[in-house]
Amino acid sequence: MRIYLTLSEGEKEALEGLLKRSPKPYLRERASAILQIASGSFGNEVANKGLLRRRRKNTVYDWVVRYKAGGIKGLEQKAGRGRKPGFSPSKPPTTTNPG
């Protein structure tokens, strides 16, 4: 499977800026993958050798689809992802009273 992506100069500059200056490592990785795909690399190449760690090619393709749909905002992690905390210091502990 091959995905083609054409970027305008503005999009390319925005992704390069994200790659160089984003405080979030996952955004830098995704921007790098998008730029490599746009320059003609295959998703499999990018997934196996083009990033700091190997990714599944479907993951890279998902990033491209998300970028096409939502731009840079589409590359950000959605709220509510990940493990939920088991303890929140803002809530007082509940005690059970045996009676």
N, C-alpha and C. Protein backbone atom coordinates (compact mmCIF):
# COMPACT_ATOMS: atom_id res chain seq x y z
N MET A 1 0.85 -1.18 0.00
CA MET A 1 0.00 0.00 0.00
C MET A 1 0.89 1.24 0.00
N ARG A 2 0.55 2.18 -0.81
CA ARG A 2 1.33 3.41 -0.89
C ARG A 2 0.38 4.59 -0.72
N ILE A 3 0.75 5.50 0.15
CA ILE A 3 -0.03 6.71 0.36
C ILE A 3 0.78 7.87 -0.20
N TYR A 4 0.13 8.69 -0.99
CA TYR A 4 0.78 9.87 -1.54
C TYR A 4 0.31 11.09 -0.77
N LEU A 5 1.25 11.98 -0.53
CA LEU A 5 0.93 13.20 0.21
C LEU A 5 1.71 14.34 -0.42
N THR A 6 1.00 15.39 -0.78
CA THR A 6 1.63 16.59 -1.33
C THR A 6 1.42 17.72 -0.34
N LEU A 7 2.51 18.38 0.02
CA LEU A 7 2.44 19.47 0.99
C LEU A 7 2.71 20.80 0.29
N SER A 8 1.99 21.82 0.73
CA SER A 8 2.30 23.17 0.25
C SER A 8 3.53 23.66 1.01
N GLU A 9 4.11 24.76 0.56
CA GLU A 9 5.28 25.31 1.25
C GLU A 9 4.95 25.66 2.69
N GLY A 10 3.77 26.22 2.91
CA GLY A 10 3.34 26.58 4.27
C GLY A 10 3.20 25.37 5.18
N GLU A 11 2.61 24.31 4.64
CA GLU A 11 2.45 23.08 5.42
C GLU A 11 3.82 22.47 5.75
N LYS A 12 4.69 22.48 4.75
CA LYS A 12 6.03 21.92 4.95
C LYS A 12 6.79 22.72 6.02
N GLU A 13 6.71 24.04 5.96
CA GLU A 13 7.38 24.88 6.95
C GLU A 13 6.79 24.67 8.34
N ALA A 14 5.46 24.53 8.43
CA ALA A 14 4.82 24.30 9.72
C ALA A 14 5.28 22.96 10.33
N LEU A 15 5.36 21.92 9.50
CA LEU A 15 5.81 20.62 9.99
C LEU A 15 7.29 20.65 10.38
N GLU A 16 8.10 21.36 9.61
CA GLU A 16 9.51 21.47 9.97
C GLU A 16 9.68 22.23 11.28
N GLY A 17 8.87 23.26 11.49
CA GLY A 17 8.89 23.98 12.75
C GLY A 17 8.48 23.10 13.91
N LEU A 18 7.46 22.28 13.70
CA LEU A 18 7.02 21.34 14.72
C LEU A 18 8.12 20.33 15.02
N LEU A 19 8.79 19.87 13.99
CA LEU A 19 9.87 18.91 14.14
C LEU A 19 11.02 19.48 14.96
N LYS A 20 11.32 20.75 14.77
CA LYS A 20 12.46 21.37 15.46
C LYS A 20 12.12 21.92 16.83
N ARG A 21 10.86 22.37 17.04
CA ARG A 21 10.58 23.13 18.25
C ARG A 21 9.49 22.58 19.17
N SER A 22 8.84 21.51 18.80
CA SER A 22 7.77 21.01 19.65
C SER A 22 8.34 20.43 20.95
N PRO A 23 7.75 20.78 22.09
CA PRO A 23 8.21 20.20 23.35
C PRO A 23 7.75 18.75 23.52
N LYS A 24 6.84 18.30 22.66
CA LYS A 24 6.29 16.95 22.78
C LYS A 24 6.99 16.01 21.80
N PRO A 25 7.72 15.03 22.29
CA PRO A 25 8.46 14.13 21.40
C PRO A 25 7.57 13.38 20.41
N TYR A 26 6.36 13.02 20.81
CA TYR A 26 5.51 12.27 19.88
C TYR A 26 5.12 13.12 18.68
N LEU A 27 4.97 14.44 18.88
CA LEU A 27 4.64 15.32 17.75
C LEU A 27 5.83 15.47 16.81
N ARG A 28 7.04 15.54 17.38
CA ARG A 28 8.24 15.61 16.54
C ARG A 28 8.37 14.35 15.68
N GLU A 29 8.09 13.20 16.28
CA GLU A 29 8.18 11.93 15.55
C GLU A 29 7.15 11.89 14.42
N ARG A 30 5.94 12.29 14.71
CA ARG A 30 4.88 12.25 13.70
C ARG A 30 5.14 13.25 12.58
N ALA A 31 5.65 14.44 12.93
CA ALA A 31 5.99 15.42 11.90
C ALA A 31 7.09 14.88 10.99
N SER A 32 8.07 14.20 11.56
CA SER A 32 9.14 13.60 10.77
C SER A 32 8.59 12.56 9.81
N ALA A 33 7.70 11.73 10.29
CA ALA A 33 7.10 10.70 9.44
C ALA A 33 6.31 11.33 8.29
N ILE A 34 5.53 12.37 8.56
CA ILE A 34 4.74 13.02 7.52
C ILE A 34 5.66 13.64 6.47
N LEU A 35 6.73 14.30 6.91
CA LEU A 35 7.66 14.92 5.96
C LEU A 35 8.34 13.87 5.09
N GLN A 36 8.68 12.73 5.66
CA GLN A 36 9.32 11.67 4.88
C GLN A 36 8.37 11.08 3.85
N ILE A 37 7.11 10.88 4.25
CA ILE A 37 6.11 10.36 3.31
C ILE A 37 5.91 11.35 2.17
N ALA A 38 5.84 12.65 2.50
CA ALA A 38 5.64 13.68 1.48
C ALA A 38 6.82 13.77 0.52
N SER A 39 8.02 13.40 1.00
CA SER A 39 9.20 13.46 0.12
C SER A 39 9.33 12.22 -0.75
N GLY A 40 8.40 11.26 -0.62
CA GLY A 40 8.39 10.11 -1.51
C GLY A 40 8.77 8.78 -0.88
N SER A 41 9.05 8.76 0.41
CA SER A 41 9.39 7.49 1.07
C SER A 41 8.14 6.63 1.23
N PHE A 42 8.34 5.33 1.22
CA PHE A 42 7.26 4.40 1.50
C PHE A 42 7.00 4.35 3.00
N GLY A 43 5.76 4.10 3.37
CA GLY A 43 5.41 4.00 4.78
C GLY A 43 6.17 2.92 5.50
N ASN A 44 6.43 1.81 4.80
CA ASN A 44 7.17 0.70 5.40
C ASN A 44 8.61 1.11 5.73
N GLU A 45 9.23 1.87 4.81
CA GLU A 45 10.59 2.36 5.05
C GLU A 45 10.64 3.29 6.26
N VAL A 46 9.68 4.20 6.31
CA VAL A 46 9.63 5.15 7.42
C VAL A 46 9.41 4.42 8.73
N ALA A 47 8.50 3.46 8.73
CA ALA A 47 8.17 2.73 9.96
C ALA A 47 9.35 1.91 10.46
N ASN A 48 10.10 1.31 9.55
CA ASN A 48 11.19 0.42 9.96
C ASN A 48 12.52 1.12 10.21
N LYS A 49 12.82 2.15 9.43
CA LYS A 49 14.16 2.74 9.52
C LYS A 49 14.19 4.26 9.63
N GLY A 50 13.07 4.92 9.42
CA GLY A 50 13.07 6.38 9.33
C GLY A 50 12.84 7.12 10.62
N LEU A 51 12.52 6.40 11.69
CA LEU A 51 12.22 7.05 12.97
C LEU A 51 13.17 6.53 14.04
N LEU A 52 13.14 7.14 15.20
CA LEU A 52 14.05 6.72 16.26
C LEU A 52 13.79 5.28 16.71
N ARG A 53 12.53 4.90 16.72
CA ARG A 53 12.21 3.51 17.03
C ARG A 53 11.24 2.98 15.99
N ARG A 54 11.26 1.69 15.83
CA ARG A 54 10.41 1.06 14.81
C ARG A 54 8.95 1.20 15.18
N ARG A 55 8.15 1.40 14.17
CA ARG A 55 6.69 1.48 14.31
C ARG A 55 6.08 0.55 13.28
N ARG A 56 4.82 0.20 13.51
CA ARG A 56 4.10 -0.56 12.50
C ARG A 56 3.79 0.37 11.34
N LYS A 57 3.81 -0.15 10.13
CA LYS A 57 3.54 0.71 8.97
C LYS A 57 2.12 1.26 9.03
N ASN A 58 1.19 0.51 9.60
CA ASN A 58 -0.18 1.00 9.72
C ASN A 58 -0.27 2.20 10.66
N THR A 59 0.61 2.25 11.65
CA THR A 59 0.65 3.40 12.54
C THR A 59 1.05 4.64 11.77
N VAL A 60 2.08 4.52 10.94
CA VAL A 60 2.53 5.65 10.12
C VAL A 60 1.43 6.07 9.15
N TYR A 61 0.77 5.10 8.52
CA TYR A 61 -0.32 5.43 7.61
C TYR A 61 -1.47 6.12 8.35
N ASP A 62 -1.75 5.69 9.58
CA ASP A 62 -2.79 6.34 10.37
C ASP A 62 -2.44 7.81 10.64
N TRP A 63 -1.16 8.09 10.91
CA TRP A 63 -0.73 9.48 11.12
C TRP A 63 -0.97 10.32 9.88
N VAL A 64 -0.69 9.74 8.71
CA VAL A 64 -0.89 10.46 7.45
C VAL A 64 -2.38 10.76 7.25
N VAL A 65 -3.22 9.78 7.49
CA VAL A 65 -4.67 9.97 7.35
C VAL A 65 -5.15 11.04 8.32
N ARG A 66 -4.67 10.98 9.55
CA ARG A 66 -5.07 11.99 10.55
C ARG A 66 -4.58 13.37 10.16
N TYR A 67 -3.37 13.45 9.59
CA TYR A 67 -2.86 14.75 9.14
C TYR A 67 -3.69 15.29 7.98
N LYS A 68 -4.05 14.44 7.04
CA LYS A 68 -4.88 14.87 5.91
C LYS A 68 -6.23 15.39 6.39
N ALA A 69 -6.78 14.76 7.42
CA ALA A 69 -8.11 15.13 7.91
C ALA A 69 -8.08 16.38 8.79
N GLY A 70 -7.02 16.54 9.61
CA GLY A 70 -7.05 17.62 10.58
C GLY A 70 -5.82 18.48 10.66
N GLY A 71 -4.87 18.31 9.75
CA GLY A 71 -3.65 19.10 9.81
C GLY A 71 -2.82 18.74 11.04
N ILE A 72 -2.08 19.71 11.55
CA ILE A 72 -1.23 19.47 12.72
C ILE A 72 -2.07 19.08 13.93
N LYS A 73 -3.25 19.67 14.06
CA LYS A 73 -4.14 19.30 15.18
C LYS A 73 -4.50 17.82 15.13
N GLY A 74 -4.57 17.26 13.94
CA GLY A 74 -4.89 15.84 13.79
C GLY A 74 -3.79 14.92 14.29
N LEU A 75 -2.58 15.43 14.43
CA LEU A 75 -1.47 14.61 14.92
C LEU A 75 -1.40 14.56 16.45
N GLU A 76 -2.11 15.47 17.11
CA GLU A 76 -2.08 15.51 18.57
C GLU A 76 -2.86 14.35 19.16
N GLN A 77 -2.45 13.95 20.37
CA GLN A 77 -3.17 12.89 21.06
C GLN A 77 -4.51 13.41 21.53
N LYS A 78 -5.50 12.58 21.44
CA LYS A 78 -6.84 12.98 21.86
C LYS A 78 -6.96 12.89 23.38
N ALA A 79 -7.75 13.76 23.95
CA ALA A 79 -7.96 13.76 25.40
C ALA A 79 -8.60 12.44 25.83
N GLY A 80 -8.24 11.99 27.00
CA GLY A 80 -8.82 10.77 27.55
C GLY A 80 -8.07 9.51 27.21
N ARG A 81 -6.96 9.63 26.46
CA ARG A 81 -6.18 8.45 26.11
C ARG A 81 -5.25 8.10 27.25
N GLY A 82 -4.91 6.85 27.34
CA GLY A 82 -3.96 6.41 28.36
C GLY A 82 -4.63 5.90 29.62
N ARG A 83 -3.80 5.46 30.51
CA ARG A 83 -4.28 4.89 31.77
C ARG A 83 -4.80 5.98 32.69
N LYS A 84 -5.91 5.70 33.33
CA LYS A 84 -6.51 6.65 34.25
C LYS A 84 -5.85 6.50 35.62
N PRO A 85 -5.69 7.61 36.35
CA PRO A 85 -5.05 7.51 37.67
C PRO A 85 -5.92 6.74 38.65
N GLY A 86 -5.28 5.96 39.48
CA GLY A 86 -6.00 5.20 40.50
C GLY A 86 -6.22 6.02 41.76
N PHE A 87 -5.47 7.10 41.90
CA PHE A 87 -5.56 7.95 43.08
C PHE A 87 -5.46 9.39 42.65
N SER A 88 -6.32 10.23 43.19
CA SER A 88 -6.26 11.65 42.89
C SER A 88 -6.10 12.40 44.20
N PRO A 89 -5.00 13.12 44.39
CA PRO A 89 -4.79 13.81 45.65
C PRO A 89 -5.79 14.93 45.91
N SER A 90 -6.55 15.37 44.91
CA SER A 90 -7.52 16.43 45.12
C SER A 90 -8.78 15.92 45.78
N LYS A 91 -9.02 14.64 45.76
CA LYS A 91 -10.20 14.07 46.39
C LYS A 91 -9.83 13.55 47.78
N PRO A 92 -10.67 13.82 48.77
CA PRO A 92 -10.36 13.26 50.09
C PRO A 92 -10.57 11.76 50.09
N PRO A 93 -9.77 11.03 50.85
CA PRO A 93 -9.95 9.57 50.88
C PRO A 93 -11.28 9.21 51.52
N THR A 94 -11.91 8.18 50.99
CA THR A 94 -13.16 7.71 51.56
C THR A 94 -12.85 6.61 52.56
N THR A 95 -13.50 6.68 53.66
CA THR A 95 -13.30 5.64 54.67
C THR A 95 -14.59 4.87 54.83
N THR A 96 -14.43 3.62 55.06
CA THR A 96 -15.61 2.78 55.31
C THR A 96 -15.71 2.58 56.80
N ASN A 97 -16.87 2.79 57.32
CA ASN A 97 -17.12 2.66 58.75
C ASN A 97 -17.92 1.39 58.97
N PRO A 98 -17.31 0.38 59.63
CA PRO A 98 -18.01 -0.90 59.77
C PRO A 98 -19.27 -0.81 60.62
N GLY A 99 -19.44 0.25 61.33
CA GLY A 99 -20.70 0.42 61.93
C GLY A 99 -20.82 0.53 63.33
